[in-house]
Protein backbone atom coordinates (compact mmCIF):
# COMPACT_ATOMS: atom_id res chain seq x y z
CA MET A 1 178.20 112.56 -32.60
CA PHE A 2 179.93 115.48 -31.22
CA ASP A 3 180.08 113.73 -27.98
CA LEU A 4 182.17 110.80 -29.94
CA ALA A 5 183.93 112.90 -32.20
CA LEU A 6 185.39 114.41 -28.58
CA HIS A 7 186.11 110.53 -27.19
CA TYR A 8 187.60 109.04 -30.86
CA GLY A 9 190.49 107.14 -30.21
CA GLU A 10 189.94 106.88 -26.29
CA ARG A 11 186.91 104.37 -25.71
CA THR A 12 183.50 103.78 -26.64
CA VAL A 13 180.72 105.76 -25.20
CA SER A 14 177.49 104.75 -23.60
CA LEU A 15 174.18 106.69 -24.48
CA LYS A 16 173.49 107.55 -20.74
CA ASP A 17 177.23 109.38 -20.25
CA ALA A 18 176.62 111.19 -23.37
CA ALA A 19 173.62 112.40 -22.42
CA ASN A 20 174.50 113.07 -19.22
CA ARG A 21 177.44 115.18 -20.52
CA LEU A 22 174.69 117.15 -22.95
CA GLY A 23 172.07 117.36 -21.06
CA ILE A 24 169.72 115.64 -23.11
CA SER A 25 167.21 112.25 -22.82
CA GLU A 26 168.81 108.86 -23.28
CA LYS A 27 165.28 108.34 -24.78
CA TYR A 28 166.35 110.87 -27.94
CA LEU A 29 169.42 109.39 -28.16
CA TRP A 30 168.42 106.43 -28.93
CA HIS A 31 166.16 107.36 -31.56
CA LEU A 32 169.25 108.94 -33.23
CA ILE A 33 171.40 105.37 -33.24
CA PRO A 34 169.59 103.59 -35.79
CA PRO A 35 169.46 106.20 -38.85
CA LEU A 36 173.83 107.05 -37.71
CA LYS A 37 174.52 103.14 -37.64
CA ASN A 38 172.73 102.69 -41.29
CA ALA A 39 174.18 105.03 -42.73
CA GLY A 40 177.88 103.97 -41.75
CA LEU A 41 178.71 107.10 -39.43
CA ILE A 42 178.66 104.89 -35.96
CA ASN A 43 179.60 101.40 -34.90
CA ALA A 44 178.03 99.77 -31.67
CA THR A 45 180.06 97.44 -29.37
CA ARG A 46 177.98 94.93 -26.83
CA GLY A 47 178.77 94.23 -23.34
CA ALA A 48 180.41 95.71 -19.96
CA ARG A 49 182.58 98.10 -21.30
CA GLY A 50 180.33 98.64 -24.68
CA GLY A 51 178.98 101.87 -26.14
CA TYR A 52 179.39 103.69 -29.81
CA ALA A 53 182.10 105.04 -31.45
CA LEU A 54 182.88 106.91 -34.93
CA ALA A 55 183.14 104.70 -37.80
CA ARG A 56 185.19 107.02 -39.33
CA GLN A 57 187.71 109.64 -38.03
CA PRO A 58 186.40 112.97 -37.60
CA HIS A 59 187.74 114.76 -39.87
CA ARG A 60 186.00 112.28 -42.06
CA ILE A 61 182.42 113.10 -41.34
CA SER A 62 180.44 116.44 -42.21
CA LEU A 63 177.88 117.88 -40.81
CA LYS A 64 175.91 117.51 -44.13
CA GLU A 65 176.27 113.03 -43.75
CA ILE A 66 174.98 113.80 -40.35
CA LEU A 67 171.74 115.96 -40.48
CA GLU A 68 171.40 113.81 -43.81
CA SER A 69 171.33 110.31 -42.16
CA VAL A 70 168.79 111.88 -39.21
CA GLU A 71 166.72 114.03 -41.02
CA GLY A 72 166.12 112.82 -44.38
CA SER A 73 166.17 115.37 -47.48
CA MET A 74 167.53 118.64 -46.49
CA SER A 75 165.66 120.71 -49.03
CA LEU A 76 163.90 123.38 -47.73
CA VAL A 77 160.97 123.36 -50.19
CA GLU A 78 159.15 120.30 -51.13
CA CYS A 79 159.01 121.21 -54.66
CA THR A 80 162.57 121.33 -55.46
CA GLU A 81 163.04 117.68 -54.98
CA LYS A 82 159.82 116.84 -56.14
CA PRO A 83 158.48 119.01 -59.01
CA SER A 84 155.66 117.06 -59.89
CA LEU A 85 154.25 118.65 -57.29
CA CYS A 86 153.23 121.77 -58.85
CA ASN A 87 152.66 122.39 -62.36
CA ARG A 88 154.28 125.74 -62.33
CA SER A 89 157.75 124.06 -60.93
CA GLU A 90 159.48 124.15 -64.91
CA SER A 91 158.92 128.03 -64.83
CA CYS A 92 159.00 128.86 -61.50
CA ILE A 93 161.86 131.41 -60.38
CA ALA A 94 161.16 130.77 -56.62
CA ARG A 95 161.78 127.54 -57.01
CA GLU A 96 164.95 128.52 -58.84
CA VAL A 97 165.55 130.21 -55.84
CA TRP A 98 165.00 127.80 -53.21
CA MET A 99 167.00 125.13 -55.38
CA GLU A 100 169.61 127.82 -55.02
CA VAL A 101 169.71 128.21 -51.36
CA THR A 102 169.29 124.95 -50.41
CA ASN A 103 172.84 123.63 -52.35
CA ARG A 104 174.93 126.62 -50.25
CA MET A 105 173.13 125.37 -47.27
CA LEU A 106 174.24 122.13 -48.46
CA GLN A 107 177.56 123.25 -49.40
CA ALA A 108 178.17 124.66 -46.21
CA LEU A 109 177.20 121.81 -44.33
CA ALA A 110 179.39 119.50 -46.24
CA SER A 111 182.56 122.07 -45.28
CA PHE A 112 182.20 121.35 -41.51
CA THR A 113 183.75 118.52 -40.02
CA LEU A 114 183.39 116.94 -36.72
CA ASP A 115 187.12 117.58 -36.16
CA GLU A 116 186.72 120.68 -36.73
CA MET A 117 183.66 121.06 -34.28
CA VAL A 118 186.07 119.30 -31.90
CA GLU A 119 189.22 121.63 -32.55
CA LYS A 120 186.88 124.87 -31.67
CA GLN A 121 185.31 123.52 -28.61
CA LYS A 122 188.97 122.75 -27.28
CA SER A 123 190.30 126.09 -28.44
CA ARG A 124 187.03 127.62 -26.51
CA GLN A 125 187.90 125.79 -23.43
CA GLU A 126 191.37 126.70 -23.71
CA ALA A 127 190.68 130.61 -23.65
CA ILE A 128 188.29 129.94 -20.98
CA SER A 129 190.61 128.70 -19.06
CA TYR A 130 193.21 131.00 -19.94
CA SER A 131 191.16 134.19 -18.51
CA ILE A 132 190.43 132.81 -15.12
């Protein structure tokens, strides 16, 4: 998603090119495509110049959306989403704490967008270029 954000508005991105730039397996990226497409986060274009692109502007896609589409529940402890798993869930202070920690983490992830990541990357690259 970060690579797609870096090239947003320029062209579609092939998985092979993204994998090479990121130094990760193309096969791994293939596993990420279906959940990201199902969540409406990316679009696919077929053909010789086909590839993938963000379905929305980078400033409209949060890290929370991305992680939830790929990973599913972001709950840190299972009983926070399924209280029926534990007969003490209604009175358990640990469950309350884990619910609060999960909520704060989700708020933080929701506050970060792909656009912010791209801007930070550009700033870092400019700082490195300037110091050389």
